[in-house]
Amino acid sequence: MYNHLKKNYDFQKVYKNGRSLANKYLVMYVSNNGSNENRLGISVSKKVGNSVIRHRITRLIREAYRLNSSKFESGYDIVIIARVTAKGKSYDDICSALIHLGRIHNLIVRE
């Protein structure tokens, strides 16, 4: 299970103290939060598209994380930023991009 990052200062703290890596569709900032659960924040800029497109991408990212949250290590604040190239992509594309970023951040638990 996870909580959401909602306040601007929470996002700013992750941007300032976290490390970031990116791939074709997403950018992921990760910062240690000192608790035993993850907090997820999602940001989709107006550059990506209108509100319908932005909310669709947000829902895809949230669902991809929800279904794969057991694979992620606990104790991190994670901010995911959608790039313009994420516009119009399928759930599978977004999900594989999220897992890829989790792997290169070493957040994916080895089975």
N, C-alpha and C. Protein backbone atom coordinates (compact mmCIF):
# COMPACT_ATOMS: atom_id res chain seq x y z
N MET A 1 0.84 -1.19 0.00
CA MET A 1 0.00 0.00 0.00
C MET A 1 0.88 1.24 0.00
N TYR A 2 0.31 2.36 -0.42
CA TYR A 2 1.07 3.59 -0.48
C TYR A 2 0.15 4.77 -0.22
N ASN A 3 0.75 5.88 0.14
CA ASN A 3 0.05 7.15 0.29
C ASN A 3 0.39 8.03 -0.90
N HIS A 4 -0.29 9.14 -0.99
CA HIS A 4 -0.03 10.07 -2.08
C HIS A 4 0.73 11.28 -1.56
N LEU A 5 1.60 11.84 -2.39
CA LEU A 5 2.17 13.15 -2.12
C LEU A 5 1.17 14.15 -2.66
N LYS A 6 0.73 15.09 -1.81
CA LYS A 6 -0.29 16.02 -2.26
C LYS A 6 0.17 17.47 -2.19
N LYS A 7 0.96 17.80 -1.19
CA LYS A 7 1.34 19.19 -0.97
C LYS A 7 2.56 19.58 -1.81
N ASN A 8 2.57 20.83 -2.22
CA ASN A 8 3.66 21.33 -3.05
C ASN A 8 5.00 21.18 -2.35
N TYR A 9 5.05 21.44 -1.02
CA TYR A 9 6.32 21.35 -0.33
C TYR A 9 6.85 19.91 -0.29
N ASP A 10 5.95 18.92 -0.31
CA ASP A 10 6.40 17.52 -0.39
C ASP A 10 7.07 17.26 -1.73
N PHE A 11 6.45 17.75 -2.81
CA PHE A 11 7.05 17.59 -4.13
C PHE A 11 8.41 18.30 -4.19
N GLN A 12 8.46 19.54 -3.67
CA GLN A 12 9.70 20.31 -3.72
C GLN A 12 10.82 19.63 -2.95
N LYS A 13 10.49 19.00 -1.82
CA LYS A 13 11.49 18.28 -1.03
C LYS A 13 12.08 17.12 -1.83
N VAL A 14 11.22 16.40 -2.55
CA VAL A 14 11.71 15.28 -3.36
C VAL A 14 12.56 15.79 -4.51
N TYR A 15 12.14 16.89 -5.16
CA TYR A 15 12.93 17.45 -6.25
C TYR A 15 14.31 17.89 -5.76
N LYS A 16 14.35 18.49 -4.56
CA LYS A 16 15.60 19.04 -4.04
C LYS A 16 16.53 17.94 -3.54
N ASN A 17 16.00 16.97 -2.78
CA ASN A 17 16.83 15.97 -2.11
C ASN A 17 16.93 14.64 -2.86
N GLY A 18 16.05 14.43 -3.83
CA GLY A 18 16.01 13.14 -4.50
C GLY A 18 16.95 13.06 -5.69
N ARG A 19 17.03 11.83 -6.21
CA ARG A 19 17.80 11.65 -7.44
C ARG A 19 16.81 11.32 -8.54
N SER A 20 17.14 11.72 -9.77
CA SER A 20 16.19 11.53 -10.85
C SER A 20 16.83 10.75 -11.99
N LEU A 21 16.01 9.92 -12.60
CA LEU A 21 16.38 9.20 -13.81
C LEU A 21 15.17 9.23 -14.72
N ALA A 22 15.42 9.09 -16.01
CA ALA A 22 14.32 9.21 -16.97
C ALA A 22 14.44 8.17 -18.06
N ASN A 23 13.32 7.91 -18.71
CA ASN A 23 13.32 7.13 -19.93
C ASN A 23 12.45 7.86 -20.94
N LYS A 24 12.01 7.16 -21.96
CA LYS A 24 11.31 7.79 -23.07
C LYS A 24 10.02 8.49 -22.66
N TYR A 25 9.28 7.91 -21.71
CA TYR A 25 7.95 8.43 -21.38
C TYR A 25 7.84 9.10 -20.02
N LEU A 26 8.70 8.72 -19.07
CA LEU A 26 8.55 9.19 -17.69
C LEU A 26 9.88 9.66 -17.11
N VAL A 27 9.78 10.53 -16.10
CA VAL A 27 10.91 10.92 -15.26
C VAL A 27 10.53 10.52 -13.84
N MET A 28 11.47 9.90 -13.11
CA MET A 28 11.18 9.46 -11.74
C MET A 28 12.19 10.08 -10.79
N TYR A 29 11.68 10.80 -9.79
CA TYR A 29 12.48 11.31 -8.70
C TYR A 29 12.24 10.42 -7.49
N VAL A 30 13.31 10.04 -6.79
CA VAL A 30 13.19 9.16 -5.63
C VAL A 30 13.97 9.76 -4.47
N SER A 31 13.34 9.79 -3.30
CA SER A 31 13.97 10.29 -2.09
C SER A 31 13.55 9.39 -0.93
N ASN A 32 14.48 9.12 -0.03
CA ASN A 32 14.18 8.29 1.13
C ASN A 32 13.29 9.09 2.08
N ASN A 33 12.21 8.45 2.60
CA ASN A 33 11.32 9.20 3.48
C ASN A 33 11.37 8.74 4.94
N GLY A 34 12.15 7.72 5.24
CA GLY A 34 12.33 7.30 6.62
C GLY A 34 11.15 6.57 7.23
N SER A 35 10.14 6.22 6.45
CA SER A 35 9.02 5.45 6.98
C SER A 35 9.05 4.06 6.35
N ASN A 36 8.03 3.27 6.62
CA ASN A 36 8.03 1.93 6.07
C ASN A 36 7.04 1.78 4.93
N GLU A 37 6.62 2.89 4.32
CA GLU A 37 5.77 2.80 3.14
C GLU A 37 6.14 3.88 2.14
N ASN A 38 5.74 3.66 0.90
CA ASN A 38 6.04 4.62 -0.16
C ASN A 38 4.95 5.67 -0.26
N ARG A 39 5.35 6.85 -0.71
CA ARG A 39 4.40 7.91 -1.03
C ARG A 39 4.61 8.25 -2.50
N LEU A 40 3.54 8.30 -3.26
CA LEU A 40 3.62 8.51 -4.70
C LEU A 40 3.02 9.85 -5.08
N GLY A 41 3.74 10.59 -5.91
CA GLY A 41 3.23 11.84 -6.48
C GLY A 41 3.33 11.76 -7.99
N ILE A 42 2.32 12.26 -8.68
CA ILE A 42 2.30 12.22 -10.15
C ILE A 42 2.10 13.63 -10.66
N SER A 43 2.92 14.01 -11.63
CA SER A 43 2.83 15.34 -12.21
C SER A 43 2.75 15.22 -13.73
N VAL A 44 1.72 15.85 -14.31
CA VAL A 44 1.58 15.87 -15.76
C VAL A 44 1.36 17.32 -16.18
N SER A 45 2.30 17.86 -16.93
CA SER A 45 2.29 19.26 -17.32
C SER A 45 1.22 19.54 -18.37
N LYS A 46 0.82 20.81 -18.45
CA LYS A 46 -0.12 21.22 -19.48
C LYS A 46 0.47 21.09 -20.89
N LYS A 47 1.79 21.00 -20.97
CA LYS A 47 2.42 20.80 -22.27
C LYS A 47 2.04 19.46 -22.89
N VAL A 48 1.67 18.51 -22.04
CA VAL A 48 1.34 17.16 -22.51
C VAL A 48 0.02 17.17 -23.28
N GLY A 49 -0.95 17.95 -22.83
CA GLY A 49 -2.22 18.00 -23.52
C GLY A 49 -3.30 18.61 -22.66
N ASN A 50 -4.54 18.48 -23.13
CA ASN A 50 -5.65 19.05 -22.37
C ASN A 50 -5.95 18.21 -21.14
N SER A 51 -6.94 18.61 -20.36
CA SER A 51 -7.18 17.95 -19.07
C SER A 51 -7.57 16.48 -19.23
N VAL A 52 -8.30 16.15 -20.30
CA VAL A 52 -8.70 14.76 -20.52
C VAL A 52 -7.46 13.88 -20.72
N ILE A 53 -6.54 14.35 -21.54
CA ILE A 53 -5.30 13.59 -21.81
C ILE A 53 -4.45 13.50 -20.55
N ARG A 54 -4.31 14.61 -19.81
CA ARG A 54 -3.49 14.62 -18.59
C ARG A 54 -4.06 13.67 -17.54
N HIS A 55 -5.36 13.69 -17.36
CA HIS A 55 -5.97 12.81 -16.37
C HIS A 55 -5.87 11.34 -16.78
N ARG A 56 -5.97 11.06 -18.06
CA ARG A 56 -5.81 9.68 -18.53
C ARG A 56 -4.41 9.17 -18.22
N ILE A 57 -3.40 9.99 -18.49
CA ILE A 57 -2.02 9.58 -18.20
C ILE A 57 -1.83 9.38 -16.71
N THR A 58 -2.41 10.28 -15.90
CA THR A 58 -2.32 10.15 -14.44
C THR A 58 -2.94 8.84 -13.98
N ARG A 59 -4.11 8.50 -14.52
CA ARG A 59 -4.76 7.25 -14.14
C ARG A 59 -3.95 6.04 -14.56
N LEU A 60 -3.33 6.09 -15.74
CA LEU A 60 -2.50 4.98 -16.20
C LEU A 60 -1.29 4.78 -15.29
N ILE A 61 -0.64 5.87 -14.91
CA ILE A 61 0.53 5.78 -14.02
C ILE A 61 0.11 5.24 -12.65
N ARG A 62 -1.00 5.78 -12.11
CA ARG A 62 -1.46 5.35 -10.79
C ARG A 62 -1.81 3.86 -10.79
N GLU A 63 -2.48 3.40 -11.84
CA GLU A 63 -2.87 2.00 -11.92
C GLU A 63 -1.65 1.10 -12.12
N ALA A 64 -0.69 1.54 -12.94
CA ALA A 64 0.53 0.76 -13.15
C ALA A 64 1.28 0.61 -11.83
N TYR A 65 1.35 1.69 -11.04
CA TYR A 65 2.03 1.60 -9.74
C TYR A 65 1.24 0.72 -8.78
N ARG A 66 -0.09 0.87 -8.76
CA ARG A 66 -0.92 0.10 -7.83
C ARG A 66 -0.76 -1.40 -8.06
N LEU A 67 -0.78 -1.82 -9.31
CA LEU A 67 -0.69 -3.24 -9.61
C LEU A 67 0.72 -3.80 -9.40
N ASN A 68 1.73 -2.93 -9.39
CA ASN A 68 3.11 -3.39 -9.23
C ASN A 68 3.75 -2.90 -7.93
N SER A 69 2.95 -2.33 -7.02
CA SER A 69 3.51 -1.75 -5.80
C SER A 69 4.22 -2.78 -4.93
N SER A 70 3.80 -4.04 -5.01
CA SER A 70 4.46 -5.08 -4.21
C SER A 70 5.90 -5.33 -4.67
N LYS A 71 6.22 -4.95 -5.90
CA LYS A 71 7.57 -5.14 -6.42
C LYS A 71 8.53 -4.05 -5.95
N PHE A 72 8.00 -2.92 -5.48
CA PHE A 72 8.83 -1.78 -5.09
C PHE A 72 9.23 -1.89 -3.62
N GLU A 73 10.49 -1.54 -3.33
CA GLU A 73 10.93 -1.49 -1.94
C GLU A 73 10.20 -0.37 -1.22
N SER A 74 10.09 -0.48 0.10
CA SER A 74 9.35 0.50 0.89
C SER A 74 10.28 1.58 1.44
N GLY A 75 9.68 2.70 1.84
CA GLY A 75 10.42 3.76 2.50
C GLY A 75 10.87 4.89 1.60
N TYR A 76 10.17 5.11 0.49
CA TYR A 76 10.60 6.13 -0.46
C TYR A 76 9.45 7.06 -0.83
N ASP A 77 9.81 8.32 -1.10
CA ASP A 77 8.91 9.26 -1.76
C ASP A 77 9.25 9.19 -3.24
N ILE A 78 8.26 8.93 -4.06
CA ILE A 78 8.47 8.78 -5.49
C ILE A 78 7.61 9.80 -6.22
N VAL A 79 8.23 10.62 -7.06
CA VAL A 79 7.49 11.55 -7.90
C VAL A 79 7.72 11.13 -9.35
N ILE A 80 6.62 10.93 -10.06
CA ILE A 80 6.68 10.52 -11.46
C ILE A 80 6.14 11.67 -12.30
N ILE A 81 6.96 12.09 -13.27
CA ILE A 81 6.58 13.16 -14.17
C ILE A 81 6.41 12.57 -15.56
N ALA A 82 5.25 12.82 -16.16
CA ALA A 82 4.99 12.33 -17.52
C ALA A 82 5.63 13.28 -18.53
N ARG A 83 6.31 12.71 -19.50
CA ARG A 83 6.86 13.50 -20.59
C ARG A 83 5.82 13.64 -21.69
N VAL A 84 6.05 14.58 -22.60
CA VAL A 84 5.12 14.81 -23.70
C VAL A 84 4.96 13.55 -24.54
N THR A 85 6.00 12.74 -24.63
CA THR A 85 5.94 11.51 -25.44
C THR A 85 4.99 10.46 -24.86
N ALA A 86 4.56 10.63 -23.61
CA ALA A 86 3.63 9.69 -22.99
C ALA A 86 2.21 9.86 -23.53
N LYS A 87 1.96 10.96 -24.20
CA LYS A 87 0.63 11.25 -24.74
C LYS A 87 0.21 10.17 -25.72
N GLY A 88 -0.97 9.59 -25.48
CA GLY A 88 -1.52 8.60 -26.40
C GLY A 88 -0.94 7.20 -26.26
N LYS A 89 -0.08 6.97 -25.28
CA LYS A 89 0.52 5.64 -25.11
C LYS A 89 -0.44 4.72 -24.36
N SER A 90 -0.24 3.43 -24.55
CA SER A 90 -1.11 2.44 -23.92
C SER A 90 -0.68 2.19 -22.48
N TYR A 91 -1.53 1.47 -21.77
CA TYR A 91 -1.21 1.08 -20.40
C TYR A 91 0.09 0.27 -20.35
N ASP A 92 0.26 -0.65 -21.29
CA ASP A 92 1.47 -1.50 -21.31
C ASP A 92 2.74 -0.67 -21.47
N ASP A 93 2.69 0.35 -22.33
CA ASP A 93 3.85 1.22 -22.53
C ASP A 93 4.21 1.95 -21.23
N ILE A 94 3.20 2.52 -20.58
CA ILE A 94 3.42 3.28 -19.35
C ILE A 94 3.90 2.34 -18.23
N CYS A 95 3.29 1.17 -18.14
CA CYS A 95 3.66 0.21 -17.11
C CYS A 95 5.11 -0.25 -17.28
N SER A 96 5.50 -0.58 -18.49
CA SER A 96 6.89 -1.03 -18.71
C SER A 96 7.88 0.10 -18.46
N ALA A 97 7.50 1.35 -18.77
CA ALA A 97 8.37 2.49 -18.48
C ALA A 97 8.54 2.68 -16.97
N LEU A 98 7.44 2.48 -16.22
CA LEU A 98 7.50 2.61 -14.76
C LEU A 98 8.39 1.53 -14.14
N ILE A 99 8.22 0.29 -14.58
CA ILE A 99 9.04 -0.82 -14.08
C ILE A 99 10.51 -0.59 -14.44
N HIS A 100 10.76 -0.12 -15.65
CA HIS A 100 12.13 0.15 -16.09
C HIS A 100 12.80 1.17 -15.17
N LEU A 101 12.09 2.26 -14.86
CA LEU A 101 12.65 3.28 -13.97
C LEU A 101 12.86 2.73 -12.56
N GLY A 102 11.93 1.90 -12.10
CA GLY A 102 12.10 1.26 -10.79
C GLY A 102 13.36 0.41 -10.75
N ARG A 103 13.61 -0.31 -11.84
CA ARG A 103 14.81 -1.15 -11.89
C ARG A 103 16.10 -0.33 -11.88
N ILE A 104 16.16 0.74 -12.68
CA ILE A 104 17.40 1.50 -12.74
C ILE A 104 17.61 2.34 -11.48
N HIS A 105 16.55 2.60 -10.71
CA HIS A 105 16.69 3.24 -9.40
C HIS A 105 16.98 2.21 -8.30
N ASN A 106 17.03 0.93 -8.65
CA ASN A 106 17.21 -0.17 -7.69
C ASN A 106 16.11 -0.21 -6.65
N LEU A 107 14.88 0.06 -7.06
CA LEU A 107 13.74 0.00 -6.15
C LEU A 107 12.96 -1.30 -6.29
N ILE A 108 13.21 -2.03 -7.35
CA ILE A 108 12.47 -3.28 -7.58
C ILE A 108 13.10 -4.38 -6.74
N VAL A 109 12.27 -5.05 -5.94
CA VAL A 109 12.73 -6.14 -5.09
C VAL A 109 13.02 -7.35 -5.98
N ARG A 110 14.19 -7.92 -5.81
CA ARG A 110 14.56 -9.11 -6.59
C ARG A 110 13.79 -10.32 -6.06
N GLU A 111 13.20 -11.07 -6.98
CA GLU A 111 12.45 -12.26 -6.56
C GLU A 111 13.28 -13.49 -6.64
